[in-house]
Amino acid sequence: MLKGIVKTISLIPDKEGNLFIDVSFPNALETSYNKQIIFQQEMSGTAEIVTEDLRLIERLLYQFRDIFNR
């Protein structure tokens, strides 16, 4: 996992409905397992934007939410 700060979000989605987001990473590209990710232009990935404080158990259950909603 990488922690970052959202800097900008595109106003209009692309053809597939995706939004482009610029993210700043205060700890560079070091994961929660202390591994370095090599930077490449236009890297893509999935993200979960946290906007509220949750208990640890709630955060763990949110990871499974997408599995059951498919």
C-alpha atoms as a PDB file:
ATOM      1  CA  MET A   1       0.000   0.000   0.000  1.00  0.00           C
ATOM      2  CA  LEU A   2       1.143   3.534  -0.747  1.00  0.00           C
ATOM      3  CA  LYS A   3      -0.174   6.596   1.030  1.00  0.00           C
ATOM      4  CA  GLY A   4      -0.568   9.721  -1.034  1.00  0.00           C
ATOM      5  CA  ILE A   5      -2.299  13.074  -1.230  1.00  0.00           C
ATOM      6  CA  VAL A   6      -4.676  13.859  -4.099  1.00  0.00           C
ATOM      7  CA  LYS A   7      -3.476  17.025  -5.855  1.00  0.00           C
ATOM      8  CA  THR A   8      -5.861  17.260  -8.838  1.00  0.00           C
ATOM      9  CA  ILE A   9      -8.811  15.317 -10.254  1.00  0.00           C
ATOM     10  CA  SER A  10      -9.907  15.540 -13.881  1.00  0.00           C
ATOM     11  CA  LEU A  11     -13.267  17.248 -14.375  1.00  0.00           C
ATOM     12  CA  ILE A  12     -14.367  14.935 -17.187  1.00  0.00           C
ATOM     13  CA  PRO A  13     -14.027  11.131 -17.246  1.00  0.00           C
ATOM     14  CA  ASP A  14     -12.455   9.314 -20.191  1.00  0.00           C
ATOM     15  CA  LYS A  15     -14.367   6.997 -22.575  1.00  0.00           C
ATOM     16  CA  GLU A  16     -14.398   4.179 -20.006  1.00  0.00           C
ATOM     17  CA  GLY A  17     -15.646   6.471 -17.230  1.00  0.00           C
ATOM     18  CA  ASN A  18     -12.299   6.729 -15.430  1.00  0.00           C
ATOM     19  CA  LEU A  19     -11.059   9.923 -13.832  1.00  0.00           C
ATOM     20  CA  PHE A  20      -7.421  10.952 -13.995  1.00  0.00           C
ATOM     21  CA  ILE A  21      -5.952  11.861 -10.623  1.00  0.00           C
ATOM     22  CA  ASP A  22      -2.572  13.382  -9.786  1.00  0.00           C
ATOM     23  CA  VAL A  23      -1.236  12.096  -6.482  1.00  0.00           C
ATOM     24  CA  SER A  24       1.701  13.285  -4.402  1.00  0.00           C
ATOM     25  CA  PHE A  25       3.515  10.630  -2.359  1.00  0.00           C
ATOM     26  CA  PRO A  26       5.183  12.111   0.758  1.00  0.00           C
ATOM     27  CA  ASN A  27       7.187   8.897   1.374  1.00  0.00           C
ATOM     28  CA  ALA A  28       8.203   8.588  -2.286  1.00  0.00           C
ATOM     29  CA  LEU A  29       7.119   5.217  -3.694  1.00  0.00           C
ATOM     30  CA  GLU A  30       7.880   3.170  -0.590  1.00  0.00           C
ATOM     31  CA  THR A  31       5.177   0.647   0.266  1.00  0.00           C
ATOM     32  CA  SER A  32       3.846  -0.282   3.680  1.00  0.00           C
ATOM     33  CA  TYR A  33       6.193  -3.312   3.417  1.00  0.00           C
ATOM     34  CA  ASN A  34       9.204  -0.969   2.990  1.00  0.00           C
ATOM     35  CA  LYS A  35       9.693  -1.908  -0.675  1.00  0.00           C
ATOM     36  CA  GLN A  36      10.517   0.677  -3.334  1.00  0.00           C
ATOM     37  CA  ILE A  37       8.422   0.859  -6.501  1.00  0.00           C
ATOM     38  CA  ILE A  38      10.281   2.049  -9.591  1.00  0.00           C
ATOM     39  CA  PHE A  39       8.672   5.166 -11.073  1.00  0.00           C
ATOM     40  CA  GLN A  40       7.388   5.052 -14.655  1.00  0.00           C
ATOM     41  CA  GLN A  41       5.503   7.748 -16.545  1.00  0.00           C
ATOM     42  CA  GLU A  42       1.693   7.413 -16.526  1.00  0.00           C
ATOM     43  CA  MET A  43       1.600   4.609 -13.968  1.00  0.00           C
ATOM     44  CA  SER A  44      -1.876   3.246 -13.371  1.00  0.00           C
ATOM     45  CA  GLY A  45      -3.417   1.582 -10.371  1.00  0.00           C
ATOM     46  CA  THR A  46      -6.450   1.308  -8.173  1.00  0.00           C
ATOM     47  CA  ALA A  47      -7.092   3.513  -5.191  1.00  0.00           C
ATOM     48  CA  GLU A  48      -9.289   3.841  -2.192  1.00  0.00           C
ATOM     49  CA  ILE A  49      -9.813   7.408  -1.088  1.00  0.00           C
ATOM     50  CA  VAL A  50     -10.350   7.662   2.661  1.00  0.00           C
ATOM     51  CA  THR A  51     -12.362  10.698   3.688  1.00  0.00           C
ATOM     52  CA  GLU A  52     -13.401   9.718   7.203  1.00  0.00           C
ATOM     53  CA  ASP A  53     -11.933   8.082  10.260  1.00  0.00           C
ATOM     54  CA  LEU A  54     -12.860   4.401  10.552  1.00  0.00           C
ATOM     55  CA  ARG A  55     -12.116   1.716  13.088  1.00  0.00           C
ATOM     56  CA  LEU A  56      -9.560  -0.890  12.065  1.00  0.00           C
ATOM     57  CA  ILE A  57     -12.203  -3.600  11.680  1.00  0.00           C
ATOM     58  CA  GLU A  58     -14.249  -1.303   9.394  1.00  0.00           C
ATOM     59  CA  ARG A  59     -11.220  -0.724   7.167  1.00  0.00           C
ATOM     60  CA  LEU A  60     -10.607  -4.472   6.929  1.00  0.00           C
ATOM     61  CA  LEU A  61     -14.236  -5.183   6.036  1.00  0.00           C
ATOM     62  CA  TYR A  62     -14.221  -2.446   3.347  1.00  0.00           C
ATOM     63  CA  GLN A  63     -11.589  -4.440   1.447  1.00  0.00           C
ATOM     64  CA  PHE A  64     -14.045  -7.325   1.069  1.00  0.00           C
ATOM     65  CA  ARG A  65     -16.963  -5.057   0.103  1.00  0.00           C
ATOM     66  CA  ASP A  66     -15.995  -4.988  -3.569  1.00  0.00           C
ATOM     67  CA  ILE A  67     -15.721  -8.788  -3.711  1.00  0.00           C
ATOM     68  CA  PHE A  68     -19.286  -9.264  -2.502  1.00  0.00           C
ATOM     69  CA  ASN A  69     -20.744  -6.446  -4.633  1.00  0.00           C
ATOM     70  CA  ARG A  70     -19.718  -8.057  -7.947  1.00  0.00           C
END
